[in-house]
Amino acid sequence: MAEYMTINNNTIEAIYCGDVEENENIIMLPENHEARVGENIAFYNDNWSRKSDVELMQLGLIDIPVGFKLENNTLIEMTYDEKVIAGLEAIPSNMKIENGKLVQKSQDEIFNEMTKEQKESFIRNKRDNLINNVIWQVERHKQEKELNINTSLTDEEYLNLLKYIQALRDITVQEGFPEKVTFPTL
């Protein structure tokens, strides 16, 4: 007993077993065929073995699964960056897509996207960090003076340090705060 199939609009319509006379509407199938009802005949090789899913994806006959890509005849998962660029993952807030690549935003771009309250907080944090980086020198100078030992700062350096710290504290009263501020230099 042989197996045969009927095809309609390039789709396998039915597979039958039995004796039949060959005609233009019937295709005889070899013994170990892989033909399936409902599939396009383009899914199959000449001997009715089914093409691999990768080959079918390369031919555009089936979709590549979301989050995957074909590379060197292999289906592989996209990298995180590729998923972001393809719109499958959200763009991180400190990143942007530029020329088809995921790149870090500049500090100015990040700052410009902040709300007024976020900008105020950002500037205050930066100011506080700058003060914290030098305040130990003020404390050391005071302690050395109390102990009546040679100080690590001259009186002029100490005064400049105090002026610098005060200028940092005054950043919040600068005209244009928080959009435009000028940080003092020591």
N, C-alpha and C. Protein backbone atom coordinates (compact mmCIF):
# COMPACT_ATOMS: atom_id res chain seq x y z
N MET A 1 0.83 -1.17 0.00
CA MET A 1 0.00 0.00 0.00
C MET A 1 0.88 1.25 0.00
N ALA A 2 0.54 2.18 -0.83
CA ALA A 2 1.35 3.39 -0.97
C ALA A 2 0.67 4.57 -0.27
N GLU A 3 1.49 5.57 -0.02
CA GLU A 3 0.95 6.80 0.55
C GLU A 3 1.02 7.85 -0.54
N TYR A 4 0.01 8.68 -0.56
CA TYR A 4 -0.04 9.76 -1.53
C TYR A 4 -0.71 10.96 -0.87
N MET A 5 -0.57 12.10 -1.52
CA MET A 5 -1.17 13.30 -0.95
C MET A 5 -1.78 14.14 -2.05
N THR A 6 -2.66 15.02 -1.60
CA THR A 6 -3.25 15.99 -2.51
C THR A 6 -2.79 17.38 -2.05
N ILE A 7 -2.64 18.26 -3.02
CA ILE A 7 -2.14 19.61 -2.75
C ILE A 7 -3.12 20.61 -3.33
N ASN A 8 -3.36 21.69 -2.56
CA ASN A 8 -4.21 22.76 -3.03
C ASN A 8 -3.53 24.08 -2.68
N ASN A 9 -3.30 24.94 -3.66
CA ASN A 9 -2.61 26.23 -3.46
C ASN A 9 -1.29 26.06 -2.72
N ASN A 10 -0.47 25.11 -3.15
CA ASN A 10 0.85 24.82 -2.59
C ASN A 10 0.82 24.36 -1.13
N THR A 11 -0.34 23.96 -0.63
CA THR A 11 -0.48 23.47 0.73
C THR A 11 -0.94 22.01 0.69
N ILE A 12 -0.30 21.19 1.53
CA ILE A 12 -0.69 19.78 1.59
C ILE A 12 -2.10 19.71 2.17
N GLU A 13 -3.02 19.20 1.36
CA GLU A 13 -4.43 19.18 1.74
C GLU A 13 -4.80 17.90 2.49
N ALA A 14 -4.25 16.78 2.05
CA ALA A 14 -4.58 15.50 2.70
C ALA A 14 -3.52 14.47 2.34
N ILE A 15 -3.35 13.48 3.24
CA ILE A 15 -2.45 12.35 2.98
C ILE A 15 -3.29 11.10 3.11
N TYR A 16 -3.16 10.22 2.11
CA TYR A 16 -3.97 9.00 2.08
C TYR A 16 -3.07 7.77 1.98
N CYS A 17 -3.61 6.65 2.38
CA CYS A 17 -2.96 5.36 2.18
C CYS A 17 -3.87 4.52 1.29
N GLY A 18 -3.27 3.74 0.48
CA GLY A 18 -4.07 2.84 -0.34
C GLY A 18 -3.58 2.81 -1.77
N ASP A 19 -4.35 2.12 -2.56
CA ASP A 19 -4.02 2.02 -3.98
C ASP A 19 -4.75 3.13 -4.71
N VAL A 20 -4.04 3.78 -5.57
CA VAL A 20 -4.63 4.86 -6.32
C VAL A 20 -3.90 4.98 -7.64
N GLU A 21 -4.60 5.46 -8.59
CA GLU A 21 -3.96 5.72 -9.88
C GLU A 21 -3.37 7.13 -9.84
N GLU A 22 -2.16 7.25 -10.34
CA GLU A 22 -1.51 8.56 -10.35
C GLU A 22 -2.23 9.47 -11.32
N ASN A 23 -2.39 10.74 -10.89
CA ASN A 23 -2.88 11.78 -11.79
C ASN A 23 -2.29 13.10 -11.34
N GLU A 24 -2.65 14.18 -12.00
CA GLU A 24 -2.00 15.46 -11.72
C GLU A 24 -2.37 16.04 -10.36
N ASN A 25 -3.44 15.58 -9.75
CA ASN A 25 -3.84 16.09 -8.44
C ASN A 25 -3.27 15.28 -7.28
N ILE A 26 -2.63 14.16 -7.58
CA ILE A 26 -2.13 13.27 -6.54
C ILE A 26 -0.62 13.13 -6.68
N ILE A 27 0.07 13.20 -5.54
CA ILE A 27 1.52 13.04 -5.53
C ILE A 27 1.84 11.83 -4.67
N MET A 28 2.57 10.90 -5.24
CA MET A 28 2.99 9.72 -4.49
C MET A 28 4.11 10.11 -3.53
N LEU A 29 4.09 9.56 -2.33
CA LEU A 29 5.09 9.87 -1.31
C LEU A 29 6.03 8.70 -1.10
N PRO A 30 7.32 8.99 -0.87
CA PRO A 30 8.26 7.91 -0.57
C PRO A 30 7.97 7.34 0.82
N GLU A 31 8.59 6.21 1.13
CA GLU A 31 8.31 5.53 2.39
C GLU A 31 8.54 6.35 3.64
N ASN A 32 9.65 6.99 3.77
CA ASN A 32 9.98 7.72 5.00
C ASN A 32 9.77 9.23 4.86
N HIS A 33 8.68 9.61 4.27
CA HIS A 33 8.41 11.05 4.07
C HIS A 33 8.08 11.71 5.42
N GLU A 34 8.17 13.03 5.43
CA GLU A 34 7.86 13.80 6.64
C GLU A 34 6.73 14.81 6.38
N ALA A 35 6.01 14.62 5.29
CA ALA A 35 4.96 15.55 4.90
C ALA A 35 3.87 15.61 5.97
N ARG A 36 3.36 16.84 6.21
CA ARG A 36 2.31 17.07 7.20
C ARG A 36 1.19 17.87 6.55
N VAL A 37 -0.01 17.48 6.86
CA VAL A 37 -1.19 18.16 6.33
C VAL A 37 -1.19 19.61 6.84
N GLY A 38 -1.51 20.54 5.94
CA GLY A 38 -1.62 21.94 6.29
C GLY A 38 -0.35 22.73 6.06
N GLU A 39 0.75 22.07 5.74
CA GLU A 39 2.00 22.81 5.53
C GLU A 39 2.23 23.10 4.05
N ASN A 40 2.97 24.15 3.80
CA ASN A 40 3.33 24.57 2.46
C ASN A 40 4.34 23.56 1.90
N ILE A 41 4.23 23.25 0.63
CA ILE A 41 5.15 22.28 0.04
C ILE A 41 6.59 22.82 -0.01
N ALA A 42 6.76 24.14 0.13
CA ALA A 42 8.10 24.73 0.15
C ALA A 42 8.85 24.33 1.42
N PHE A 43 8.16 23.78 2.41
CA PHE A 43 8.80 23.33 3.65
C PHE A 43 9.60 22.04 3.43
N TYR A 44 9.49 21.45 2.25
CA TYR A 44 10.05 20.11 2.04
C TYR A 44 11.07 20.08 0.91
N ASN A 45 12.02 19.14 1.07
CA ASN A 45 13.00 18.87 0.03
C ASN A 45 12.35 17.96 -1.01
N ASP A 46 13.11 17.64 -2.06
CA ASP A 46 12.57 16.81 -3.15
C ASP A 46 12.12 15.43 -2.70
N ASN A 47 12.75 14.90 -1.63
CA ASN A 47 12.37 13.55 -1.16
C ASN A 47 11.30 13.63 -0.06
N TRP A 48 10.71 14.78 0.12
CA TRP A 48 9.66 15.04 1.11
C TRP A 48 10.14 14.92 2.55
N SER A 49 11.45 15.14 2.73
CA SER A 49 11.95 15.31 4.10
C SER A 49 11.80 16.80 4.41
N ARG A 50 11.47 17.11 5.63
CA ARG A 50 11.20 18.50 6.01
C ARG A 50 12.51 19.28 6.16
N LYS A 51 12.56 20.49 5.61
CA LYS A 51 13.72 21.35 5.76
C LYS A 51 13.82 21.73 7.24
N SER A 52 15.04 22.06 7.68
CA SER A 52 15.23 22.45 9.09
C SER A 52 14.53 23.79 9.35
N ASP A 53 14.19 24.03 10.61
CA ASP A 53 13.56 25.30 10.96
C ASP A 53 14.47 26.48 10.61
N VAL A 54 15.78 26.30 10.80
CA VAL A 54 16.71 27.37 10.46
C VAL A 54 16.64 27.68 8.96
N GLU A 55 16.62 26.65 8.14
CA GLU A 55 16.52 26.85 6.70
C GLU A 55 15.20 27.52 6.34
N LEU A 56 14.12 27.13 7.00
CA LEU A 56 12.81 27.75 6.74
C LEU A 56 12.80 29.22 7.16
N MET A 57 13.51 29.53 8.25
CA MET A 57 13.63 30.93 8.69
C MET A 57 14.44 31.73 7.67
N GLN A 58 15.54 31.12 7.17
CA GLN A 58 16.37 31.81 6.18
C GLN A 58 15.58 32.09 4.91
N LEU A 59 14.67 31.19 4.56
CA LEU A 59 13.85 31.37 3.37
C LEU A 59 12.66 32.28 3.62
N GLY A 60 12.46 32.68 4.87
CA GLY A 60 11.34 33.54 5.22
C GLY A 60 10.01 32.81 5.28
N LEU A 61 10.06 31.50 5.37
CA LEU A 61 8.82 30.73 5.40
C LEU A 61 8.23 30.61 6.80
N ILE A 62 9.07 30.70 7.83
CA ILE A 62 8.57 30.78 9.20
C ILE A 62 9.31 31.93 9.89
N ASP A 63 8.67 32.47 10.91
CA ASP A 63 9.24 33.62 11.62
C ASP A 63 10.37 33.20 12.55
N ILE A 64 11.34 34.07 12.67
CA ILE A 64 12.40 33.90 13.67
C ILE A 64 11.76 34.24 15.01
N PRO A 65 11.92 33.40 16.03
CA PRO A 65 11.30 33.70 17.33
C PRO A 65 11.77 35.05 17.88
N VAL A 66 10.87 35.72 18.57
CA VAL A 66 11.17 37.02 19.16
C VAL A 66 12.35 36.87 20.12
N GLY A 67 13.33 37.78 19.98
CA GLY A 67 14.50 37.77 20.86
C GLY A 67 15.63 36.90 20.35
N PHE A 68 15.49 36.37 19.15
CA PHE A 68 16.52 35.51 18.56
C PHE A 68 16.91 36.07 17.20
N LYS A 69 18.03 35.56 16.68
CA LYS A 69 18.49 35.95 15.35
C LYS A 69 19.22 34.76 14.73
N LEU A 70 19.37 34.83 13.42
CA LEU A 70 20.13 33.81 12.70
C LEU A 70 21.53 34.33 12.49
N GLU A 71 22.50 33.52 12.88
CA GLU A 71 23.90 33.89 12.70
C GLU A 71 24.68 32.63 12.35
N ASN A 72 25.37 32.66 11.22
CA ASN A 72 26.14 31.50 10.76
C ASN A 72 25.30 30.22 10.75
N ASN A 73 24.13 30.32 10.17
CA ASN A 73 23.21 29.18 10.04
C ASN A 73 22.80 28.58 11.39
N THR A 74 22.81 29.42 12.43
CA THR A 74 22.43 28.96 13.76
C THR A 74 21.47 29.98 14.37
N LEU A 75 20.46 29.49 15.05
CA LEU A 75 19.53 30.35 15.77
C LEU A 75 20.12 30.63 17.14
N ILE A 76 20.38 31.93 17.43
CA ILE A 76 20.95 32.28 18.73
C ILE A 76 20.15 33.42 19.35
N GLU A 77 20.22 33.50 20.67
CA GLU A 77 19.52 34.57 21.37
C GLU A 77 20.25 35.89 21.16
N MET A 78 19.46 36.96 20.98
CA MET A 78 20.04 38.30 20.82
C MET A 78 20.69 38.73 22.13
N THR A 79 21.68 39.59 22.03
CA THR A 79 22.27 40.18 23.23
C THR A 79 21.28 41.18 23.80
N TYR A 80 21.53 41.60 25.02
CA TYR A 80 20.66 42.61 25.66
C TYR A 80 20.61 43.88 24.80
N ASP A 81 21.78 44.36 24.34
CA ASP A 81 21.83 45.57 23.51
C ASP A 81 21.00 45.40 22.24
N GLU A 82 21.13 44.25 21.59
CA GLU A 82 20.36 44.00 20.36
C GLU A 82 18.86 44.01 20.65
N LYS A 83 18.46 43.46 21.80
CA LYS A 83 17.04 43.47 22.17
C LYS A 83 16.55 44.89 22.40
N VAL A 84 17.37 45.73 23.03
CA VAL A 84 17.00 47.13 23.26
C VAL A 84 16.85 47.84 21.93
N ILE A 85 17.81 47.66 21.04
CA ILE A 85 17.78 48.32 19.73
C ILE A 85 16.58 47.86 18.91
N ALA A 86 16.21 46.58 19.06
CA ALA A 86 15.06 46.03 18.34
C ALA A 86 13.73 46.42 18.98
N GLY A 87 13.79 47.10 20.14
CA GLY A 87 12.56 47.52 20.81
C GLY A 87 11.94 46.44 21.69
N LEU A 88 12.70 45.39 21.97
CA LEU A 88 12.19 44.30 22.79
C LEU A 88 12.42 44.53 24.29
N GLU A 89 13.34 45.43 24.60
CA GLU A 89 13.64 45.81 25.99
C GLU A 89 13.62 47.33 26.05
N ALA A 90 13.29 47.86 27.23
CA ALA A 90 13.27 49.31 27.41
C ALA A 90 14.70 49.86 27.38
N ILE A 91 14.84 51.05 26.84
CA ILE A 91 16.15 51.70 26.82
C ILE A 91 16.44 52.19 28.24
N PRO A 92 17.56 51.80 28.82
CA PRO A 92 17.91 52.31 30.16
C PRO A 92 17.98 53.84 30.14
N SER A 93 17.63 54.46 31.28
CA SER A 93 17.52 55.93 31.32
C SER A 93 18.82 56.66 31.01
N ASN A 94 19.96 56.02 31.22
CA ASN A 94 21.24 56.70 30.96
C ASN A 94 21.83 56.32 29.61
N MET A 95 21.02 55.69 28.76
CA MET A 95 21.51 55.24 27.45
C MET A 95 20.62 55.81 26.34
N LYS A 96 21.14 55.72 25.12
CA LYS A 96 20.38 56.13 23.94
C LYS A 96 20.84 55.27 22.77
N ILE A 97 20.05 55.25 21.71
CA ILE A 97 20.43 54.54 20.49
C ILE A 97 20.95 55.58 19.52
N GLU A 98 22.19 55.36 19.07
CA GLU A 98 22.83 56.29 18.15
C GLU A 98 23.50 55.47 17.05
N ASN A 99 23.15 55.75 15.80
CA ASN A 99 23.70 55.03 14.66
C ASN A 99 23.55 53.52 14.82
N GLY A 100 22.39 53.09 15.32
CA GLY A 100 22.11 51.67 15.46
C GLY A 100 22.84 50.99 16.61
N LYS A 101 23.41 51.78 17.53
CA LYS A 101 24.13 51.21 18.67
C LYS A 101 23.61 51.82 19.96
N LEU A 102 23.69 51.05 21.04
CA LEU A 102 23.31 51.53 22.36
C LEU A 102 24.53 52.19 22.98
N VAL A 103 24.41 53.50 23.27
CA VAL A 103 25.54 54.25 23.80
C VAL A 103 25.12 55.04 25.05
N GLN A 104 26.09 55.38 25.86
CA GLN A 104 25.89 56.15 27.08
C GLN A 104 25.52 57.59 26.73
N LYS A 105 24.50 58.14 27.40
CA LYS A 105 24.18 59.55 27.22
C LYS A 105 25.26 60.38 27.91
N SER A 106 25.46 61.58 27.40
CA SER A 106 26.40 62.50 28.06
C SER A 106 25.77 63.01 29.34
N GLN A 107 26.61 63.54 30.23
CA GLN A 107 26.10 64.11 31.49
C GLN A 107 25.13 65.26 31.20
N ASP A 108 25.41 66.05 30.16
CA ASP A 108 24.52 67.15 29.79
C ASP A 108 23.16 66.63 29.34
N GLU A 109 23.15 65.55 28.54
CA GLU A 109 21.88 64.98 28.09
C GLU A 109 21.06 64.45 29.26
N ILE A 110 21.72 63.76 30.17
CA ILE A 110 21.04 63.22 31.35
C ILE A 110 20.49 64.38 32.18
N PHE A 111 21.30 65.41 32.40
CA PHE A 111 20.89 66.56 33.19
C PHE A 111 19.70 67.27 32.54
N ASN A 112 19.75 67.46 31.23
CA ASN A 112 18.68 68.17 30.52
C ASN A 112 17.34 67.44 30.56
N GLU A 113 17.37 66.12 30.75
CA GLU A 113 16.14 65.34 30.82
C GLU A 113 15.53 65.31 32.22
N MET A 114 16.26 65.83 33.21
CA MET A 114 15.78 65.81 34.59
C MET A 114 14.68 66.86 34.80
N THR A 115 13.83 66.60 35.81
CA THR A 115 12.87 67.61 36.23
C THR A 115 13.63 68.68 37.02
N LYS A 116 12.99 69.80 37.30
CA LYS A 116 13.63 70.87 38.07
C LYS A 116 14.06 70.34 39.44
N GLU A 117 13.19 69.56 40.08
CA GLU A 117 13.50 69.03 41.40
C GLU A 117 14.70 68.07 41.35
N GLN A 118 14.76 67.26 40.31
CA GLN A 118 15.90 66.34 40.15
C GLN A 118 17.20 67.12 39.92
N LYS A 119 17.11 68.19 39.13
CA LYS A 119 18.30 69.01 38.88
C LYS A 119 18.78 69.65 40.17
N GLU A 120 17.85 70.19 40.96
CA GLU A 120 18.23 70.80 42.24
C GLU A 120 18.93 69.78 43.13
N SER A 121 18.38 68.60 43.21
CA SER A 121 18.97 67.54 44.04
C SER A 121 20.34 67.13 43.51
N PHE A 122 20.46 67.02 42.20
CA PHE A 122 21.74 66.65 41.57
C PHE A 122 22.82 67.68 41.90
N ILE A 123 22.48 68.97 41.73
CA ILE A 123 23.46 70.03 42.00
C ILE A 123 23.84 70.03 43.48
N ARG A 124 22.85 69.90 44.36
CA ARG A 124 23.15 69.88 45.81
C ARG A 124 24.05 68.70 46.17
N ASN A 125 23.78 67.53 45.59
CA ASN A 125 24.62 66.35 45.86
C ASN A 125 26.05 66.57 45.38
N LYS A 126 26.18 67.15 44.20
CA LYS A 126 27.52 67.43 43.67
C LYS A 126 28.23 68.43 44.58
N ARG A 127 27.53 69.47 44.99
CA ARG A 127 28.10 70.47 45.90
C ARG A 127 28.53 69.82 47.22
N ASP A 128 27.65 68.99 47.78
CA ASP A 128 27.96 68.34 49.06
C ASP A 128 29.18 67.44 48.95
N ASN A 129 29.30 66.75 47.84
CA ASN A 129 30.48 65.90 47.63
C ASN A 129 31.77 66.72 47.55
N LEU A 130 31.69 67.84 46.85
CA LEU A 130 32.87 68.71 46.75
C LEU A 130 33.26 69.26 48.12
N ILE A 131 32.28 69.64 48.92
CA ILE A 131 32.58 70.12 50.29
C ILE A 131 33.18 68.99 51.11
N ASN A 132 32.58 67.81 51.03
CA ASN A 132 33.09 66.67 51.81
C ASN A 132 34.53 66.29 51.42
N ASN A 133 34.89 66.57 50.19
CA ASN A 133 36.25 66.25 49.73
C ASN A 133 37.32 67.15 50.36
N VAL A 134 36.92 68.33 50.87
CA VAL A 134 37.92 69.25 51.41
C VAL A 134 37.72 69.59 52.88
N ILE A 135 36.58 69.29 53.43
CA ILE A 135 36.27 69.71 54.80
C ILE A 135 37.26 69.16 55.82
N TRP A 136 37.84 68.00 55.51
CA TRP A 136 38.82 67.42 56.43
C TRP A 136 40.03 68.34 56.60
N GLN A 137 40.35 69.08 55.54
CA GLN A 137 41.49 70.01 55.63
C GLN A 137 41.20 71.14 56.63
N VAL A 138 39.94 71.61 56.64
CA VAL A 138 39.54 72.65 57.59
C VAL A 138 39.67 72.11 59.01
N GLU A 139 39.14 70.92 59.23
CA GLU A 139 39.18 70.30 60.56
C GLU A 139 40.64 70.07 61.01
N ARG A 140 41.45 69.61 60.11
CA ARG A 140 42.85 69.36 60.45
C ARG A 140 43.56 70.66 60.85
N HIS A 141 43.30 71.70 60.07
CA HIS A 141 43.93 72.99 60.35
C HIS A 141 43.50 73.49 61.74
N LYS A 142 42.21 73.40 62.05
CA LYS A 142 41.71 73.83 63.36
C LYS A 142 42.39 73.05 64.49
N GLN A 143 42.49 71.75 64.31
CA GLN A 143 43.09 70.90 65.35
C GLN A 143 44.57 71.21 65.53
N GLU A 144 45.26 71.43 64.44
CA GLU A 144 46.68 71.76 64.52
C GLU A 144 46.88 73.11 65.24
N LYS A 145 45.98 74.06 64.98
CA LYS A 145 46.04 75.36 65.65
C LYS A 145 45.81 75.18 67.16
N GLU A 146 44.82 74.37 67.51
CA GLU A 146 44.50 74.12 68.92
C GLU A 146 45.68 73.48 69.65
N LEU A 147 46.36 72.60 68.95
CA LEU A 147 47.50 71.91 69.55
C LEU A 147 48.77 72.76 69.48
N ASN A 148 48.65 73.88 68.84
CA ASN A 148 49.78 74.80 68.71
C ASN A 148 50.99 74.12 68.03
N ILE A 149 50.67 73.41 66.94
CA ILE A 149 51.74 72.78 66.15
C ILE A 149 51.73 73.39 64.75
N ASN A 150 52.77 73.11 63.97
CA ASN A 150 52.83 73.62 62.60
C ASN A 150 51.61 73.13 61.82
N THR A 151 50.95 74.03 61.15
CA THR A 151 49.75 73.66 60.38
C THR A 151 50.13 73.23 58.97
N SER A 152 49.26 72.38 58.42
CA SER A 152 49.51 71.90 57.05
C SER A 152 49.12 72.94 56.02
N LEU A 153 48.33 73.94 56.43
CA LEU A 153 47.91 75.02 55.54
C LEU A 153 48.43 76.35 56.07
N THR A 154 48.76 77.22 55.14
CA THR A 154 49.08 78.59 55.58
C THR A 154 47.75 79.27 55.88
N ASP A 155 47.82 80.41 56.54
CA ASP A 155 46.59 81.15 56.86
C ASP A 155 45.86 81.55 55.58
N GLU A 156 46.64 81.91 54.55
CA GLU A 156 46.03 82.30 53.26
C GLU A 156 45.33 81.09 52.61
N GLU A 157 45.97 79.92 52.63
CA GLU A 157 45.35 78.70 52.06
C GLU A 157 44.10 78.33 52.83
N TYR A 158 44.16 78.49 54.14
CA TYR A 158 43.00 78.18 54.98
C TYR A 158 41.84 79.12 54.64
N LEU A 159 42.11 80.39 54.51
CA LEU A 159 41.09 81.37 54.16
C LEU A 159 40.51 81.09 52.78
N ASN A 160 41.36 80.75 51.81
CA ASN A 160 40.89 80.38 50.46
C ASN A 160 40.00 79.14 50.50
N LEU A 161 40.34 78.19 51.35
CA LEU A 161 39.54 76.97 51.51
C LEU A 161 38.16 77.32 52.07
N LEU A 162 38.13 78.19 53.08
CA LEU A 162 36.84 78.61 53.66
C LEU A 162 35.99 79.36 52.63
N LYS A 163 36.62 80.21 51.83
CA LYS A 163 35.90 80.95 50.77
C LYS A 163 35.34 79.98 49.73
N TYR A 164 36.15 78.97 49.39
CA TYR A 164 35.72 77.95 48.42
C TYR A 164 34.48 77.22 48.94
N ILE A 165 34.53 76.79 50.19
CA ILE A 165 33.39 76.07 50.79
C ILE A 165 32.16 76.96 50.83
N GLN A 166 32.33 78.21 51.17
CA GLN A 166 31.18 79.12 51.21
C GLN A 166 30.62 79.34 49.80
N ALA A 167 31.49 79.46 48.82
CA ALA A 167 31.02 79.63 47.43
C ALA A 167 30.23 78.40 46.98
N LEU A 168 30.66 77.23 47.42
CA LEU A 168 29.89 76.00 47.11
C LEU A 168 28.52 76.05 47.77
N ARG A 169 28.47 76.50 49.03
CA ARG A 169 27.18 76.60 49.73
C ARG A 169 26.26 77.60 49.04
N ASP A 170 26.83 78.62 48.44
CA ASP A 170 26.04 79.68 47.80
C ASP A 170 25.56 79.32 46.39
N ILE A 171 25.90 78.15 45.91
CA ILE A 171 25.48 77.75 44.56
C ILE A 171 23.97 77.81 44.40
N THR A 172 23.24 77.45 45.44
CA THR A 172 21.77 77.42 45.35
C THR A 172 21.15 78.80 45.23
N VAL A 173 21.91 79.86 45.49
CA VAL A 173 21.38 81.21 45.35
C VAL A 173 21.90 81.90 44.10
N GLN A 174 22.67 81.18 43.29
CA GLN A 174 23.16 81.75 42.03
C GLN A 174 21.97 81.98 41.11
N GLU A 175 22.05 83.03 40.32
CA GLU A 175 21.01 83.28 39.33
C GLU A 175 21.06 82.15 38.29
N GLY A 176 19.91 81.55 38.00
CA GLY A 176 19.85 80.46 37.03
C GLY A 176 19.84 79.08 37.67
N PHE A 177 20.02 79.01 39.02
CA PHE A 177 19.98 77.71 39.70
C PHE A 177 18.61 77.07 39.50
N PRO A 178 18.46 75.83 39.15
CA PRO A 178 19.48 74.80 39.00
C PRO A 178 19.93 74.58 37.55
N GLU A 179 19.30 75.31 36.62
CA GLU A 179 19.60 75.10 35.20
C GLU A 179 21.04 75.46 34.84
N LYS A 180 21.48 76.60 35.36
CA LYS A 180 22.81 77.08 35.01
C LYS A 180 23.52 77.48 36.30
N VAL A 181 24.55 76.74 36.64
CA VAL A 181 25.36 77.08 37.81
C VAL A 181 26.82 77.03 37.42
N THR A 182 27.60 77.83 38.13
CA THR A 182 29.05 77.81 37.94
C THR A 182 29.66 77.36 39.24
N PHE A 183 30.36 76.25 39.18
CA PHE A 183 31.02 75.73 40.37
C PHE A 183 32.34 76.47 40.57
N PRO A 184 32.62 76.87 41.80
CA PRO A 184 33.89 77.56 42.06
C PRO A 184 35.05 76.59 41.97
N THR A 185 36.23 77.15 41.79
CA THR A 185 37.44 76.32 41.79
C THR A 185 38.25 76.67 43.02
N LEU A 186 38.97 75.72 43.52
CA LEU A 186 39.77 75.93 44.73
C LEU A 186 41.09 76.55 44.33
